[in-house]
Amino acid sequence: MRLPAAVRARFADNAASAVYCGRFETVRASRTGKLLAMLCRLIGTPVAPYTGNDVPATVHVYADARGGVVWERRYHFPGRSTCVVRSTKRCDARGALIEELPFGLSMPLAVFERGGELHFLSTSYFFRWLGLKVTLPALLPPGRTHVEHIDEGRGWFRFTMSVSHPWFGEVYFQTGRFYAASEAL
């Protein structure tokens, strides 16, 4: 209840599908991050493989057939074809929130409120293949993912994602402002 009403509505169990429009002011990656992003294109692009400033983007949020919520980010980097990054948030059998990325890569998330902002923090990574769950060692890239959803009022919110590795430091960082396409500003 400490979250702004707009944030509670965006993340409610019965939230309708939505399209958000905006721009990533910054999309950056370290050398390690760029290499990992290019390699990850082989498994379905779990992070944007390019960097830039003032990158137009849309985010489509919708329910999938298995009860999860899909967050599909479309980056429109100048001079490149549209880059689509898709992940699905769902609860596991114990009720814990899991973010599923392409190719069976998943990360359990700690979810919390701090100062009226919603935070998602990865606690580990694992692959699920053929019914097997293989947990990745904590020191393997990419590192700890931290996403912040910050309501800015008047229909706008800020999405910030950082990924930091204990040895390589900041691997990825992006931040941008968005609004619901259905809302008149």
N, C-alpha and C. Protein backbone atom coordinates (compact mmCIF):
# COMPACT_ATOMS: atom_id res chain seq x y z
N MET A 1 0.82 -1.21 0.00
CA MET A 1 0.00 0.00 0.00
C MET A 1 0.86 1.26 0.00
N ARG A 2 2.18 1.13 0.24
CA ARG A 2 3.04 2.32 0.22
C ARG A 2 3.39 2.74 -1.20
N LEU A 3 3.08 1.89 -2.18
CA LEU A 3 3.35 2.24 -3.58
C LEU A 3 2.27 3.20 -4.09
N PRO A 4 2.62 4.09 -5.01
CA PRO A 4 1.61 4.96 -5.62
C PRO A 4 0.53 4.13 -6.30
N ALA A 5 -0.68 4.66 -6.33
CA ALA A 5 -1.82 3.94 -6.93
C ALA A 5 -1.54 3.53 -8.37
N ALA A 6 -0.85 4.35 -9.13
CA ALA A 6 -0.56 4.02 -10.54
C ALA A 6 0.33 2.79 -10.64
N VAL A 7 1.29 2.64 -9.74
CA VAL A 7 2.18 1.48 -9.75
C VAL A 7 1.39 0.24 -9.35
N ARG A 8 0.56 0.37 -8.30
CA ARG A 8 -0.27 -0.78 -7.89
C ARG A 8 -1.16 -1.22 -9.04
N ALA A 9 -1.72 -0.29 -9.79
CA ALA A 9 -2.60 -0.64 -10.92
C ALA A 9 -1.81 -1.33 -12.03
N ARG A 10 -0.59 -0.86 -12.33
CA ARG A 10 0.21 -1.47 -13.40
C ARG A 10 0.58 -2.91 -13.08
N PHE A 11 0.74 -3.22 -11.80
CA PHE A 11 1.19 -4.55 -11.41
C PHE A 11 0.11 -5.39 -10.72
N ALA A 12 -1.14 -4.97 -10.80
CA ALA A 12 -2.24 -5.71 -10.18
C ALA A 12 -2.44 -7.05 -10.88
N ASP A 13 -2.94 -8.03 -10.13
CA ASP A 13 -3.20 -9.35 -10.69
C ASP A 13 -4.15 -9.29 -11.88
N ASN A 14 -5.08 -8.35 -11.86
CA ASN A 14 -6.07 -8.27 -12.93
C ASN A 14 -5.76 -7.15 -13.93
N ALA A 15 -4.52 -6.69 -13.96
CA ALA A 15 -4.15 -5.60 -14.88
C ALA A 15 -4.35 -6.05 -16.33
N ALA A 16 -4.95 -5.16 -17.11
CA ALA A 16 -5.18 -5.46 -18.53
C ALA A 16 -3.88 -5.31 -19.30
N SER A 17 -3.86 -5.83 -20.50
CA SER A 17 -2.67 -5.64 -21.32
C SER A 17 -2.52 -4.15 -21.61
N ALA A 18 -1.29 -3.73 -21.83
CA ALA A 18 -1.03 -2.32 -22.04
C ALA A 18 0.18 -2.15 -22.94
N VAL A 19 0.24 -1.00 -23.59
CA VAL A 19 1.41 -0.61 -24.36
C VAL A 19 1.91 0.69 -23.78
N TYR A 20 3.20 0.73 -23.48
CA TYR A 20 3.84 1.92 -22.94
C TYR A 20 4.82 2.46 -23.97
N CYS A 21 4.85 3.76 -24.13
CA CYS A 21 5.73 4.42 -25.09
C CYS A 21 6.70 5.32 -24.35
N GLY A 22 7.89 5.46 -24.90
CA GLY A 22 8.86 6.35 -24.28
C GLY A 22 10.22 6.22 -24.91
N ARG A 23 11.23 6.56 -24.12
CA ARG A 23 12.61 6.55 -24.59
C ARG A 23 13.52 6.10 -23.46
N PHE A 24 14.53 5.33 -23.85
CA PHE A 24 15.61 5.03 -22.93
C PHE A 24 16.64 6.14 -23.11
N GLU A 25 16.80 6.95 -22.09
CA GLU A 25 17.80 8.01 -22.16
C GLU A 25 19.20 7.43 -22.30
N THR A 26 19.41 6.29 -21.63
CA THR A 26 20.71 5.63 -21.65
C THR A 26 20.52 4.13 -21.75
N VAL A 27 21.24 3.50 -22.67
CA VAL A 27 21.38 2.04 -22.74
C VAL A 27 22.87 1.81 -22.90
N ARG A 28 23.51 1.27 -21.84
CA ARG A 28 24.95 1.06 -21.94
C ARG A 28 25.31 -0.32 -21.46
N ALA A 29 26.49 -0.75 -21.86
CA ALA A 29 27.04 -2.05 -21.46
C ALA A 29 28.56 -1.93 -21.45
N SER A 30 29.16 -2.62 -20.53
CA SER A 30 30.62 -2.70 -20.50
C SER A 30 31.08 -3.61 -21.64
N ARG A 31 32.38 -3.74 -21.82
CA ARG A 31 32.87 -4.67 -22.84
C ARG A 31 32.39 -6.09 -22.56
N THR A 32 32.44 -6.48 -21.30
CA THR A 32 31.95 -7.80 -20.92
C THR A 32 30.47 -7.92 -21.24
N GLY A 33 29.71 -6.88 -20.92
CA GLY A 33 28.27 -6.88 -21.19
C GLY A 33 27.96 -6.97 -22.67
N LYS A 34 28.71 -6.22 -23.49
CA LYS A 34 28.49 -6.27 -24.95
C LYS A 34 28.79 -7.66 -25.50
N LEU A 35 29.88 -8.26 -25.04
CA LEU A 35 30.23 -9.61 -25.49
C LEU A 35 29.16 -10.61 -25.07
N LEU A 36 28.73 -10.53 -23.82
CA LEU A 36 27.70 -11.44 -23.32
C LEU A 36 26.38 -11.22 -24.07
N ALA A 37 26.01 -9.98 -24.34
CA ALA A 37 24.77 -9.69 -25.07
C ALA A 37 24.82 -10.27 -26.48
N MET A 38 25.96 -10.16 -27.15
CA MET A 38 26.09 -10.72 -28.50
C MET A 38 26.01 -12.25 -28.46
N LEU A 39 26.66 -12.87 -27.48
CA LEU A 39 26.57 -14.32 -27.34
C LEU A 39 25.14 -14.76 -27.01
N CYS A 40 24.47 -13.97 -26.20
CA CYS A 40 23.10 -14.33 -25.80
C CYS A 40 22.10 -14.22 -26.94
N ARG A 41 22.46 -13.57 -28.03
CA ARG A 41 21.57 -13.53 -29.19
C ARG A 41 21.32 -14.95 -29.70
N LEU A 42 22.25 -15.86 -29.41
CA LEU A 42 22.07 -17.26 -29.81
C LEU A 42 20.94 -17.94 -29.05
N ILE A 43 20.60 -17.41 -27.87
CA ILE A 43 19.53 -18.02 -27.08
C ILE A 43 18.28 -17.13 -27.00
N GLY A 44 18.22 -16.07 -27.79
CA GLY A 44 16.98 -15.31 -27.84
C GLY A 44 17.00 -13.90 -27.28
N THR A 45 18.12 -13.28 -27.15
CA THR A 45 18.24 -11.88 -26.78
C THR A 45 17.59 -11.53 -25.44
N PRO A 46 18.14 -11.99 -24.31
CA PRO A 46 17.59 -11.60 -23.02
C PRO A 46 17.94 -10.17 -22.61
N VAL A 47 18.92 -9.55 -23.29
CA VAL A 47 19.25 -8.12 -23.07
C VAL A 47 19.52 -7.49 -24.42
N ALA A 48 19.33 -6.17 -24.49
CA ALA A 48 19.59 -5.46 -25.75
C ALA A 48 21.07 -5.59 -26.11
N PRO A 49 21.37 -5.98 -27.35
CA PRO A 49 22.77 -6.17 -27.74
C PRO A 49 23.46 -4.89 -28.22
N TYR A 50 22.76 -3.77 -28.17
CA TYR A 50 23.32 -2.51 -28.63
C TYR A 50 23.26 -1.49 -27.50
N THR A 51 23.98 -0.39 -27.68
CA THR A 51 23.97 0.69 -26.70
C THR A 51 23.61 1.99 -27.41
N GLY A 52 23.22 2.98 -26.64
CA GLY A 52 22.90 4.27 -27.22
C GLY A 52 22.23 5.18 -26.22
N ASN A 53 21.98 6.40 -26.68
CA ASN A 53 21.29 7.40 -25.88
C ASN A 53 20.04 7.83 -26.63
N ASP A 54 19.02 8.19 -25.85
CA ASP A 54 17.76 8.68 -26.42
C ASP A 54 17.17 7.67 -27.41
N VAL A 55 17.04 6.43 -26.97
CA VAL A 55 16.57 5.33 -27.81
C VAL A 55 15.05 5.19 -27.68
N PRO A 56 14.29 5.45 -28.75
CA PRO A 56 12.84 5.26 -28.67
C PRO A 56 12.52 3.79 -28.38
N ALA A 57 11.46 3.57 -27.59
CA ALA A 57 11.11 2.21 -27.22
C ALA A 57 9.61 2.11 -26.92
N THR A 58 9.09 0.92 -27.09
CA THR A 58 7.73 0.61 -26.65
C THR A 58 7.80 -0.66 -25.80
N VAL A 59 6.89 -0.76 -24.87
CA VAL A 59 6.82 -1.92 -23.99
C VAL A 59 5.38 -2.43 -24.05
N HIS A 60 5.23 -3.68 -24.45
CA HIS A 60 3.91 -4.31 -24.51
C HIS A 60 3.84 -5.31 -23.36
N VAL A 61 2.83 -5.16 -22.51
CA VAL A 61 2.64 -6.03 -21.35
C VAL A 61 1.33 -6.78 -21.55
N TYR A 62 1.38 -8.12 -21.43
CA TYR A 62 0.17 -8.92 -21.64
C TYR A 62 0.31 -10.26 -20.92
N ALA A 63 -0.83 -10.89 -20.65
CA ALA A 63 -0.85 -12.20 -20.00
C ALA A 63 -0.57 -13.28 -21.04
N ASP A 64 0.17 -14.31 -20.62
CA ASP A 64 0.38 -15.44 -21.52
C ASP A 64 -0.59 -16.58 -21.15
N ALA A 65 -0.59 -17.64 -21.92
CA ALA A 65 -1.53 -18.74 -21.74
C ALA A 65 -1.27 -19.54 -20.46
N ARG A 66 -0.07 -19.40 -19.87
CA ARG A 66 0.29 -20.18 -18.68
C ARG A 66 0.18 -19.37 -17.39
N GLY A 67 -0.47 -18.20 -17.45
CA GLY A 67 -0.69 -17.40 -16.25
C GLY A 67 0.43 -16.43 -15.90
N GLY A 68 1.38 -16.26 -16.78
CA GLY A 68 2.45 -15.30 -16.54
C GLY A 68 2.13 -13.95 -17.17
N VAL A 69 2.96 -12.97 -16.89
CA VAL A 69 2.82 -11.64 -17.48
C VAL A 69 4.07 -11.38 -18.31
N VAL A 70 3.87 -11.19 -19.61
CA VAL A 70 4.97 -10.97 -20.55
C VAL A 70 5.27 -9.47 -20.62
N TRP A 71 6.54 -9.14 -20.53
CA TRP A 71 7.02 -7.77 -20.73
C TRP A 71 7.90 -7.81 -21.97
N GLU A 72 7.41 -7.24 -23.05
CA GLU A 72 8.12 -7.25 -24.33
C GLU A 72 8.59 -5.84 -24.64
N ARG A 73 9.90 -5.64 -24.58
CA ARG A 73 10.49 -4.31 -24.84
C ARG A 73 11.00 -4.29 -26.27
N ARG A 74 10.61 -3.25 -27.01
CA ARG A 74 11.07 -3.06 -28.39
C ARG A 74 11.92 -1.79 -28.44
N TYR A 75 13.19 -2.00 -28.71
CA TYR A 75 14.15 -0.90 -28.79
C TYR A 75 14.29 -0.51 -30.26
N HIS A 76 14.26 0.77 -30.53
CA HIS A 76 14.40 1.28 -31.91
C HIS A 76 15.72 2.05 -32.01
N PHE A 77 16.82 1.31 -32.02
CA PHE A 77 18.14 1.92 -32.15
C PHE A 77 18.28 2.49 -33.55
N PRO A 78 18.74 3.73 -33.69
CA PRO A 78 18.88 4.33 -35.02
C PRO A 78 19.78 3.48 -35.92
N GLY A 79 19.33 3.27 -37.16
CA GLY A 79 20.13 2.54 -38.15
C GLY A 79 20.15 1.03 -37.97
N ARG A 80 19.33 0.50 -37.06
CA ARG A 80 19.31 -0.95 -36.81
C ARG A 80 17.86 -1.43 -36.85
N SER A 81 17.69 -2.70 -37.12
CA SER A 81 16.33 -3.23 -37.06
C SER A 81 15.88 -3.28 -35.59
N THR A 82 14.59 -3.29 -35.38
CA THR A 82 14.04 -3.28 -34.03
C THR A 82 14.56 -4.47 -33.23
N CYS A 83 14.99 -4.20 -32.02
CA CYS A 83 15.50 -5.23 -31.12
C CYS A 83 14.38 -5.55 -30.11
N VAL A 84 13.99 -6.80 -30.03
CA VAL A 84 12.92 -7.22 -29.12
C VAL A 84 13.52 -8.05 -27.99
N VAL A 85 13.25 -7.63 -26.76
CA VAL A 85 13.68 -8.35 -25.57
C VAL A 85 12.41 -8.72 -24.81
N ARG A 86 12.24 -10.01 -24.55
CA ARG A 86 11.00 -10.49 -23.94
C ARG A 86 11.33 -11.31 -22.70
N SER A 87 10.58 -11.05 -21.63
CA SER A 87 10.67 -11.88 -20.43
C SER A 87 9.28 -12.03 -19.86
N THR A 88 9.12 -13.07 -19.04
CA THR A 88 7.81 -13.36 -18.45
C THR A 88 7.97 -13.50 -16.95
N LYS A 89 7.14 -12.77 -16.22
CA LYS A 89 7.12 -12.89 -14.77
C LYS A 89 5.98 -13.84 -14.40
N ARG A 90 6.28 -14.82 -13.55
CA ARG A 90 5.25 -15.74 -13.08
C ARG A 90 5.64 -16.24 -11.69
N CYS A 91 4.66 -16.77 -10.98
CA CYS A 91 4.93 -17.35 -9.67
C CYS A 91 5.22 -18.83 -9.83
N ASP A 92 6.18 -19.32 -9.06
CA ASP A 92 6.48 -20.75 -9.09
C ASP A 92 5.51 -21.49 -8.16
N ALA A 93 5.71 -22.77 -7.99
CA ALA A 93 4.80 -23.60 -7.19
C ALA A 93 4.72 -23.15 -5.73
N ARG A 94 5.77 -22.49 -5.24
CA ARG A 94 5.78 -22.01 -3.84
C ARG A 94 5.26 -20.58 -3.72
N GLY A 95 4.93 -19.94 -4.85
CA GLY A 95 4.44 -18.57 -4.83
C GLY A 95 5.52 -17.52 -4.97
N ALA A 96 6.77 -17.92 -5.19
CA ALA A 96 7.87 -16.98 -5.38
C ALA A 96 7.84 -16.45 -6.81
N LEU A 97 8.20 -15.19 -6.99
CA LEU A 97 8.21 -14.58 -8.31
C LEU A 97 9.48 -14.97 -9.07
N ILE A 98 9.28 -15.44 -10.30
CA ILE A 98 10.37 -15.86 -11.18
C ILE A 98 10.26 -15.05 -12.47
N GLU A 99 11.39 -14.59 -12.98
CA GLU A 99 11.41 -13.96 -14.30
C GLU A 99 12.05 -14.95 -15.26
N GLU A 100 11.28 -15.34 -16.28
CA GLU A 100 11.75 -16.28 -17.27
C GLU A 100 12.24 -15.53 -18.50
N LEU A 101 13.44 -15.85 -18.92
CA LEU A 101 14.07 -15.26 -20.08
C LEU A 101 14.11 -16.32 -21.18
N PRO A 102 14.60 -16.00 -22.36
CA PRO A 102 14.66 -17.00 -23.43
C PRO A 102 15.53 -18.21 -23.08
N PHE A 103 15.23 -19.32 -23.75
CA PHE A 103 16.04 -20.55 -23.71
C PHE A 103 16.09 -21.20 -22.34
N GLY A 104 15.04 -21.02 -21.53
CA GLY A 104 14.98 -21.66 -20.23
C GLY A 104 15.76 -20.98 -19.13
N LEU A 105 16.37 -19.82 -19.42
CA LEU A 105 17.08 -19.07 -18.38
C LEU A 105 16.06 -18.35 -17.51
N SER A 106 16.20 -18.48 -16.20
CA SER A 106 15.26 -17.86 -15.27
C SER A 106 16.00 -17.27 -14.10
N MET A 107 15.34 -16.31 -13.44
CA MET A 107 15.92 -15.75 -12.23
C MET A 107 14.81 -15.52 -11.20
N PRO A 108 14.95 -16.11 -10.02
CA PRO A 108 14.04 -15.78 -8.93
C PRO A 108 14.26 -14.32 -8.54
N LEU A 109 13.17 -13.65 -8.15
CA LEU A 109 13.24 -12.24 -7.83
C LEU A 109 12.80 -11.96 -6.40
N ALA A 110 13.55 -11.13 -5.70
CA ALA A 110 13.10 -10.54 -4.45
C ALA A 110 12.37 -9.26 -4.86
N VAL A 111 11.19 -9.06 -4.35
CA VAL A 111 10.38 -7.89 -4.71
C VAL A 111 10.14 -7.10 -3.43
N PHE A 112 10.39 -5.77 -3.52
CA PHE A 112 10.19 -4.96 -2.33
C PHE A 112 9.90 -3.51 -2.72
N GLU A 113 9.37 -2.79 -1.75
CA GLU A 113 9.09 -1.35 -1.88
C GLU A 113 10.11 -0.62 -1.04
N ARG A 114 10.62 0.47 -1.59
CA ARG A 114 11.51 1.34 -0.82
C ARG A 114 11.25 2.77 -1.26
N GLY A 115 10.84 3.61 -0.34
CA GLY A 115 10.60 5.02 -0.64
C GLY A 115 9.54 5.23 -1.72
N GLY A 116 8.53 4.37 -1.77
CA GLY A 116 7.46 4.51 -2.77
C GLY A 116 7.84 3.98 -4.15
N GLU A 117 8.99 3.31 -4.25
CA GLU A 117 9.45 2.75 -5.53
C GLU A 117 9.39 1.23 -5.45
N LEU A 118 9.07 0.59 -6.58
CA LEU A 118 9.00 -0.87 -6.65
C LEU A 118 10.34 -1.39 -7.17
N HIS A 119 10.89 -2.38 -6.48
CA HIS A 119 12.19 -2.95 -6.82
C HIS A 119 12.07 -4.45 -7.05
N PHE A 120 12.81 -4.93 -8.06
CA PHE A 120 12.95 -6.36 -8.36
C PHE A 120 14.44 -6.65 -8.34
N LEU A 121 14.86 -7.62 -7.55
CA LEU A 121 16.28 -7.94 -7.41
C LEU A 121 16.48 -9.44 -7.62
N SER A 122 17.33 -9.79 -8.60
CA SER A 122 17.58 -11.22 -8.84
C SER A 122 18.32 -11.81 -7.65
N THR A 123 17.98 -13.06 -7.34
CA THR A 123 18.65 -13.74 -6.22
C THR A 123 19.56 -14.86 -6.72
N SER A 124 19.38 -15.30 -7.97
CA SER A 124 20.22 -16.32 -8.59
C SER A 124 19.77 -16.45 -10.05
N TYR A 125 20.38 -17.37 -10.78
CA TYR A 125 19.97 -17.69 -12.15
C TYR A 125 19.97 -19.21 -12.28
N PHE A 126 19.07 -19.71 -13.09
CA PHE A 126 19.07 -21.13 -13.39
C PHE A 126 18.53 -21.37 -14.78
N PHE A 127 18.90 -22.51 -15.34
CA PHE A 127 18.34 -22.99 -16.60
C PHE A 127 17.40 -24.13 -16.28
N ARG A 128 16.32 -24.22 -17.03
CA ARG A 128 15.41 -25.35 -16.92
C ARG A 128 15.36 -26.02 -18.29
N TRP A 129 15.88 -27.25 -18.36
CA TRP A 129 15.90 -28.02 -19.60
C TRP A 129 15.39 -29.42 -19.32
N LEU A 130 14.49 -29.87 -20.14
CA LEU A 130 13.99 -31.25 -20.07
C LEU A 130 13.61 -31.65 -18.65
N GLY A 131 12.99 -30.73 -17.93
CA GLY A 131 12.56 -31.02 -16.57
C GLY A 131 13.63 -30.88 -15.51
N LEU A 132 14.87 -30.61 -15.92
CA LEU A 132 15.96 -30.44 -14.97
C LEU A 132 16.18 -28.97 -14.68
N LYS A 133 16.51 -28.66 -13.44
CA LYS A 133 16.84 -27.30 -13.05
C LYS A 133 18.33 -27.25 -12.73
N VAL A 134 19.07 -26.43 -13.48
CA VAL A 134 20.51 -26.30 -13.29
C VAL A 134 20.80 -24.88 -12.82
N THR A 135 21.18 -24.74 -11.56
CA THR A 135 21.49 -23.43 -10.99
C THR A 135 22.90 -23.02 -11.41
N LEU A 136 23.03 -21.78 -11.85
CA LEU A 136 24.34 -21.27 -12.27
C LEU A 136 25.12 -20.78 -11.05
N PRO A 137 26.43 -21.01 -11.02
CA PRO A 137 27.25 -20.47 -9.93
C PRO A 137 27.14 -18.94 -9.90
N ALA A 138 27.14 -18.38 -8.71
CA ALA A 138 26.93 -16.94 -8.54
C ALA A 138 27.98 -16.09 -9.26
N LEU A 139 29.18 -16.62 -9.47
CA LEU A 139 30.23 -15.82 -10.09
C LEU A 139 30.19 -15.84 -11.62
N LEU A 140 29.30 -16.65 -12.20
CA LEU A 140 29.15 -16.60 -13.65
C LEU A 140 28.40 -15.33 -14.04
N PRO A 141 28.73 -14.75 -15.21
CA PRO A 141 27.97 -13.59 -15.67
C PRO A 141 26.51 -13.96 -15.89
N PRO A 142 25.56 -13.06 -15.82
CA PRO A 142 25.81 -11.63 -15.90
C PRO A 142 26.03 -10.95 -14.57
N GLY A 143 25.53 -11.49 -13.46
CA GLY A 143 25.64 -10.81 -12.18
C GLY A 143 24.26 -10.56 -11.62
N ARG A 144 24.15 -9.68 -10.66
CA ARG A 144 22.88 -9.38 -10.00
C ARG A 144 22.12 -8.31 -10.78
N THR A 145 20.87 -8.63 -11.11
CA THR A 145 20.00 -7.70 -11.82
C THR A 145 19.12 -6.96 -10.82
N HIS A 146 19.03 -5.64 -10.99
CA HIS A 146 18.20 -4.80 -10.13
C HIS A 146 17.35 -3.92 -11.04
N VAL A 147 16.03 -4.07 -10.95
CA VAL A 147 15.11 -3.25 -11.73
C VAL A 147 14.32 -2.37 -10.78
N GLU A 148 14.20 -1.10 -11.15
CA GLU A 148 13.40 -0.15 -10.37
C GLU A 148 12.26 0.38 -11.24
N HIS A 149 11.07 0.42 -10.67
CA HIS A 149 9.90 0.99 -11.34
C HIS A 149 9.48 2.18 -10.47
N ILE A 150 9.66 3.38 -11.00
CA ILE A 150 9.46 4.59 -10.22
C ILE A 150 8.37 5.43 -10.87
N ASP A 151 7.30 5.66 -10.13
CA ASP A 151 6.21 6.50 -10.65
C ASP A 151 6.66 7.96 -10.61
N GLU A 152 6.49 8.66 -11.73
CA GLU A 152 6.86 10.07 -11.80
C GLU A 152 5.65 10.98 -11.86
N GLY A 153 4.45 10.40 -11.76
CA GLY A 153 3.23 11.19 -11.78
C GLY A 153 2.80 11.57 -13.18
N ARG A 154 1.57 12.05 -13.29
CA ARG A 154 1.00 12.50 -14.56
C ARG A 154 1.08 11.42 -15.64
N GLY A 155 1.00 10.12 -15.23
CA GLY A 155 1.00 9.01 -16.18
C GLY A 155 2.37 8.49 -16.56
N TRP A 156 3.44 9.13 -16.10
CA TRP A 156 4.81 8.74 -16.46
C TRP A 156 5.42 7.85 -15.38
N PHE A 157 6.28 6.92 -15.81
CA PHE A 157 7.08 6.16 -14.86
C PHE A 157 8.48 5.97 -15.44
N ARG A 158 9.42 5.71 -14.55
CA ARG A 158 10.81 5.45 -14.95
C ARG A 158 11.12 3.98 -14.73
N PHE A 159 11.75 3.38 -15.73
CA PHE A 159 12.24 2.00 -15.66
C PHE A 159 13.76 2.09 -15.67
N THR A 160 14.38 1.54 -14.65
CA THR A 160 15.84 1.51 -14.60
C THR A 160 16.28 0.08 -14.31
N MET A 161 17.22 -0.41 -15.11
CA MET A 161 17.76 -1.75 -14.89
C MET A 161 19.28 -1.65 -14.84
N SER A 162 19.85 -2.25 -13.81
CA SER A 162 21.30 -2.35 -13.73
C SER A 162 21.66 -3.80 -13.44
N VAL A 163 22.76 -4.23 -14.03
CA VAL A 163 23.27 -5.58 -13.79
C VAL A 163 24.73 -5.41 -13.39
N SER A 164 25.07 -5.90 -12.21
CA SER A 164 26.43 -5.76 -11.70
C SER A 164 26.99 -7.12 -11.33
N HIS A 165 28.25 -7.31 -11.69
CA HIS A 165 28.95 -8.57 -11.42
C HIS A 165 30.02 -8.31 -10.37
N PRO A 166 30.26 -9.24 -9.44
CA PRO A 166 31.26 -8.99 -8.40
C PRO A 166 32.68 -8.77 -8.93
N TRP A 167 33.03 -9.34 -10.06
CA TRP A 167 34.38 -9.16 -10.62
C TRP A 167 34.40 -8.10 -11.71
N PHE A 168 33.36 -8.03 -12.54
CA PHE A 168 33.36 -7.16 -13.72
C PHE A 168 32.67 -5.82 -13.49
N GLY A 169 32.09 -5.62 -12.31
CA GLY A 169 31.39 -4.37 -12.03
C GLY A 169 30.10 -4.26 -12.82
N GLU A 170 29.75 -3.03 -13.19
CA GLU A 170 28.52 -2.81 -13.95
C GLU A 170 28.66 -3.45 -15.33
N VAL A 171 27.73 -4.35 -15.66
CA VAL A 171 27.74 -5.04 -16.94
C VAL A 171 26.74 -4.38 -17.89
N TYR A 172 25.53 -4.07 -17.36
CA TYR A 172 24.49 -3.39 -18.15
C TYR A 172 23.86 -2.30 -17.31
N PHE A 173 23.39 -1.27 -17.99
CA PHE A 173 22.60 -0.23 -17.33
C PHE A 173 21.69 0.40 -18.38
N GLN A 174 20.45 0.61 -18.01
CA GLN A 174 19.54 1.36 -18.87
C GLN A 174 18.49 2.05 -18.01
N THR A 175 18.09 3.22 -18.46
CA THR A 175 17.04 3.96 -17.76
C THR A 175 16.24 4.76 -18.78
N GLY A 176 14.95 4.83 -18.56
CA GLY A 176 14.10 5.57 -19.47
C GLY A 176 12.75 5.88 -18.85
N ARG A 177 12.02 6.77 -19.52
CA ARG A 177 10.69 7.21 -19.06
C ARG A 177 9.63 6.74 -20.04
N PHE A 178 8.48 6.30 -19.49
CA PHE A 178 7.41 5.74 -20.30
C PHE A 178 6.05 6.20 -19.80
N TYR A 179 5.05 6.13 -20.68
CA TYR A 179 3.65 6.41 -20.33
C TYR A 179 2.78 5.43 -21.10
N ALA A 180 1.58 5.21 -20.57
CA ALA A 180 0.64 4.29 -21.24
C ALA A 180 0.15 4.95 -22.52
N ALA A 181 0.26 4.23 -23.64
CA ALA A 181 -0.15 4.77 -24.95
C ALA A 181 -1.64 5.12 -24.95
N SER A 182 -2.42 4.47 -24.09
CA SER A 182 -3.86 4.72 -24.07
C SER A 182 -4.23 5.97 -23.28
N GLU A 183 -3.28 6.52 -22.55
CA GLU A 183 -3.55 7.70 -21.73
C GLU A 183 -3.17 8.98 -22.47
N ALA A 184 -4.07 9.94 -22.45
CA ALA A 184 -3.76 11.24 -23.04
C ALA A 184 -2.89 12.01 -22.06
N LEU A 185 -1.81 12.57 -22.55
CA LEU A 185 -0.90 13.32 -21.66
C LEU A 185 -1.10 14.79 -21.81
